[in-house]
Amino acid sequence: MYFTDRGIEELANRRGEESVSFEWLADALRTFVDLHPQFEDAVEQLATWLARPDDDPDL
């Protein structure tokens, strides 16, 4: 198990019943990067991967 799995599991447990829009997610990611600019590259990679799930399975 990766360390990040704990955070993902907590997210699913606490908010798994909620529905969110991609607009809400984009705003949340922008806010996170504003607060933690050192993670800008990782957030950019995640957002790009989420935007293009069918383009290339190796990305």
N, C-alpha and C. Protein backbone atom coordinates (compact mmCIF):
# COMPACT_ATOMS: atom_id res chain seq x y z
N MET A 1 0.86 -1.18 0.00
CA MET A 1 0.00 0.00 0.00
C MET A 1 0.89 1.23 0.00
N TYR A 2 0.56 2.17 -0.87
CA TYR A 2 1.28 3.43 -0.91
C TYR A 2 0.81 4.32 0.24
N PHE A 3 1.68 5.23 0.67
CA PHE A 3 1.33 6.17 1.73
C PHE A 3 0.07 6.95 1.36
N THR A 4 -0.05 7.33 0.06
CA THR A 4 -1.20 8.13 -0.37
C THR A 4 -2.51 7.35 -0.27
N ASP A 5 -2.44 6.04 -0.22
CA ASP A 5 -3.67 5.25 -0.11
C ASP A 5 -4.45 5.60 1.16
N ARG A 6 -3.75 5.95 2.22
CA ARG A 6 -4.44 6.33 3.46
C ARG A 6 -5.29 7.57 3.25
N GLY A 7 -4.74 8.55 2.56
CA GLY A 7 -5.50 9.77 2.28
C GLY A 7 -6.67 9.50 1.36
N ILE A 8 -6.46 8.64 0.37
CA ILE A 8 -7.54 8.29 -0.56
C ILE A 8 -8.64 7.54 0.18
N GLU A 9 -8.25 6.62 1.04
CA GLU A 9 -9.25 5.89 1.83
C GLU A 9 -10.02 6.83 2.75
N GLU A 10 -9.33 7.79 3.38
CA GLU A 10 -10.01 8.74 4.24
C GLU A 10 -11.01 9.57 3.44
N LEU A 11 -10.60 10.01 2.25
CA LEU A 11 -11.50 10.77 1.38
C LEU A 11 -12.74 9.95 1.05
N ALA A 12 -12.55 8.71 0.66
CA ALA A 12 -13.69 7.85 0.32
C ALA A 12 -14.59 7.61 1.53
N ASN A 13 -13.99 7.40 2.69
CA ASN A 13 -14.78 7.14 3.89
C ASN A 13 -15.56 8.36 4.35
N ARG A 14 -14.93 9.53 4.30
CA ARG A 14 -15.59 10.74 4.80
C ARG A 14 -16.55 11.36 3.80
N ARG A 15 -16.23 11.27 2.52
CA ARG A 15 -17.03 12.01 1.53
C ARG A 15 -17.51 11.13 0.38
N GLY A 16 -17.41 9.83 0.54
CA GLY A 16 -17.74 8.89 -0.52
C GLY A 16 -19.18 8.92 -1.00
N GLU A 17 -20.09 9.40 -0.17
CA GLU A 17 -21.50 9.46 -0.55
C GLU A 17 -21.85 10.75 -1.29
N GLU A 18 -20.93 11.73 -1.29
CA GLU A 18 -21.19 13.02 -1.92
C GLU A 18 -20.97 12.94 -3.43
N SER A 19 -21.64 13.82 -4.14
CA SER A 19 -21.38 14.01 -5.57
C SER A 19 -20.78 15.39 -5.75
N VAL A 20 -19.78 15.47 -6.60
CA VAL A 20 -19.14 16.76 -6.86
C VAL A 20 -19.03 16.96 -8.37
N SER A 21 -18.96 18.21 -8.76
CA SER A 21 -18.78 18.52 -10.18
C SER A 21 -17.29 18.66 -10.48
N PHE A 22 -16.96 18.59 -11.74
CA PHE A 22 -15.57 18.82 -12.13
C PHE A 22 -15.19 20.27 -11.87
N GLU A 23 -16.15 21.17 -11.94
CA GLU A 23 -15.87 22.57 -11.61
C GLU A 23 -15.46 22.69 -10.15
N TRP A 24 -16.17 22.00 -9.25
CA TRP A 24 -15.81 22.02 -7.83
C TRP A 24 -14.41 21.44 -7.64
N LEU A 25 -14.12 20.32 -8.31
CA LEU A 25 -12.81 19.68 -8.19
C LEU A 25 -11.71 20.62 -8.68
N ALA A 26 -11.94 21.27 -9.82
CA ALA A 26 -10.95 22.21 -10.35
C ALA A 26 -10.70 23.34 -9.36
N ASP A 27 -11.74 23.87 -8.76
CA ASP A 27 -11.58 24.94 -7.77
C ASP A 27 -10.81 24.44 -6.54
N ALA A 28 -11.11 23.22 -6.11
CA ALA A 28 -10.42 22.65 -4.95
C ALA A 28 -8.93 22.45 -5.26
N LEU A 29 -8.62 22.00 -6.47
CA LEU A 29 -7.22 21.81 -6.85
C LEU A 29 -6.48 23.15 -6.93
N ARG A 30 -7.16 24.18 -7.47
CA ARG A 30 -6.54 25.51 -7.52
C ARG A 30 -6.26 26.03 -6.11
N THR A 31 -7.21 25.86 -5.23
CA THR A 31 -7.03 26.31 -3.85
C THR A 31 -5.87 25.57 -3.19
N PHE A 32 -5.80 24.27 -3.42
CA PHE A 32 -4.71 23.47 -2.85
C PHE A 32 -3.36 23.98 -3.34
N VAL A 33 -3.24 24.23 -4.64
CA VAL A 33 -1.97 24.72 -5.19
C VAL A 33 -1.65 26.12 -4.66
N ASP A 34 -2.67 26.96 -4.48
CA ASP A 34 -2.43 28.28 -3.88
C ASP A 34 -1.83 28.14 -2.48
N LEU A 35 -2.33 27.18 -1.72
CA LEU A 35 -1.85 26.97 -0.35
C LEU A 35 -0.53 26.18 -0.29
N HIS A 36 -0.31 25.33 -1.31
CA HIS A 36 0.86 24.44 -1.33
C HIS A 36 1.51 24.46 -2.71
N PRO A 37 2.15 25.57 -3.09
CA PRO A 37 2.69 25.69 -4.45
C PRO A 37 3.76 24.66 -4.79
N GLN A 38 4.37 24.04 -3.79
CA GLN A 38 5.38 23.03 -4.05
C GLN A 38 4.79 21.79 -4.72
N PHE A 39 3.47 21.64 -4.67
CA PHE A 39 2.81 20.49 -5.29
C PHE A 39 2.17 20.82 -6.64
N GLU A 40 2.51 21.96 -7.19
CA GLU A 40 1.91 22.39 -8.46
C GLU A 40 2.12 21.37 -9.57
N ASP A 41 3.33 20.84 -9.71
CA ASP A 41 3.60 19.87 -10.77
C ASP A 41 2.77 18.60 -10.61
N ALA A 42 2.67 18.10 -9.39
CA ALA A 42 1.89 16.87 -9.15
C ALA A 42 0.42 17.10 -9.44
N VAL A 43 -0.11 18.25 -9.02
CA VAL A 43 -1.52 18.56 -9.27
C VAL A 43 -1.77 18.72 -10.76
N GLU A 44 -0.84 19.35 -11.47
CA GLU A 44 -0.96 19.51 -12.92
C GLU A 44 -0.99 18.14 -13.60
N GLN A 45 -0.12 17.24 -13.18
CA GLN A 45 -0.10 15.89 -13.77
C GLN A 45 -1.39 15.14 -13.47
N LEU A 46 -1.88 15.25 -12.25
CA LEU A 46 -3.14 14.59 -11.90
C LEU A 46 -4.30 15.16 -12.71
N ALA A 47 -4.38 16.47 -12.80
CA ALA A 47 -5.48 17.10 -13.55
C ALA A 47 -5.43 16.70 -15.02
N THR A 48 -4.24 16.67 -15.60
CA THR A 48 -4.11 16.26 -17.00
C THR A 48 -4.51 14.80 -17.18
N TRP A 49 -4.10 13.95 -16.26
CA TRP A 49 -4.45 12.54 -16.33
C TRP A 49 -5.96 12.35 -16.21
N LEU A 50 -6.60 13.08 -15.29
CA LEU A 50 -8.05 12.99 -15.14
C LEU A 50 -8.79 13.52 -16.37
N ALA A 51 -8.22 14.51 -17.03
CA ALA A 51 -8.86 15.10 -18.20
C ALA A 51 -8.79 14.20 -19.42
N ARG A 52 -7.79 13.33 -19.48
CA ARG A 52 -7.58 12.51 -20.67
C ARG A 52 -7.43 11.03 -20.33
N PRO A 53 -8.41 10.42 -19.71
CA PRO A 53 -8.23 9.02 -19.27
C PRO A 53 -8.10 8.00 -20.39
N ASP A 54 -8.57 8.33 -21.58
CA ASP A 54 -8.55 7.34 -22.66
C ASP A 54 -7.43 7.55 -23.67
N ASP A 55 -6.64 8.62 -23.51
CA ASP A 55 -5.62 8.94 -24.50
C ASP A 55 -4.49 7.92 -24.56
N ASP A 56 -3.82 7.70 -23.43
CA ASP A 56 -2.66 6.82 -23.41
C ASP A 56 -2.61 6.13 -22.06
N PRO A 57 -2.77 4.84 -22.02
CA PRO A 57 -2.78 4.14 -20.74
C PRO A 57 -1.45 4.19 -19.99
N ASP A 58 -0.37 4.55 -20.67
CA ASP A 58 0.94 4.60 -20.02
C ASP A 58 1.25 5.95 -19.40
N LEU A 59 0.37 6.95 -19.54
CA LEU A 59 0.63 8.27 -18.97
C LEU A 59 0.36 8.31 -17.50
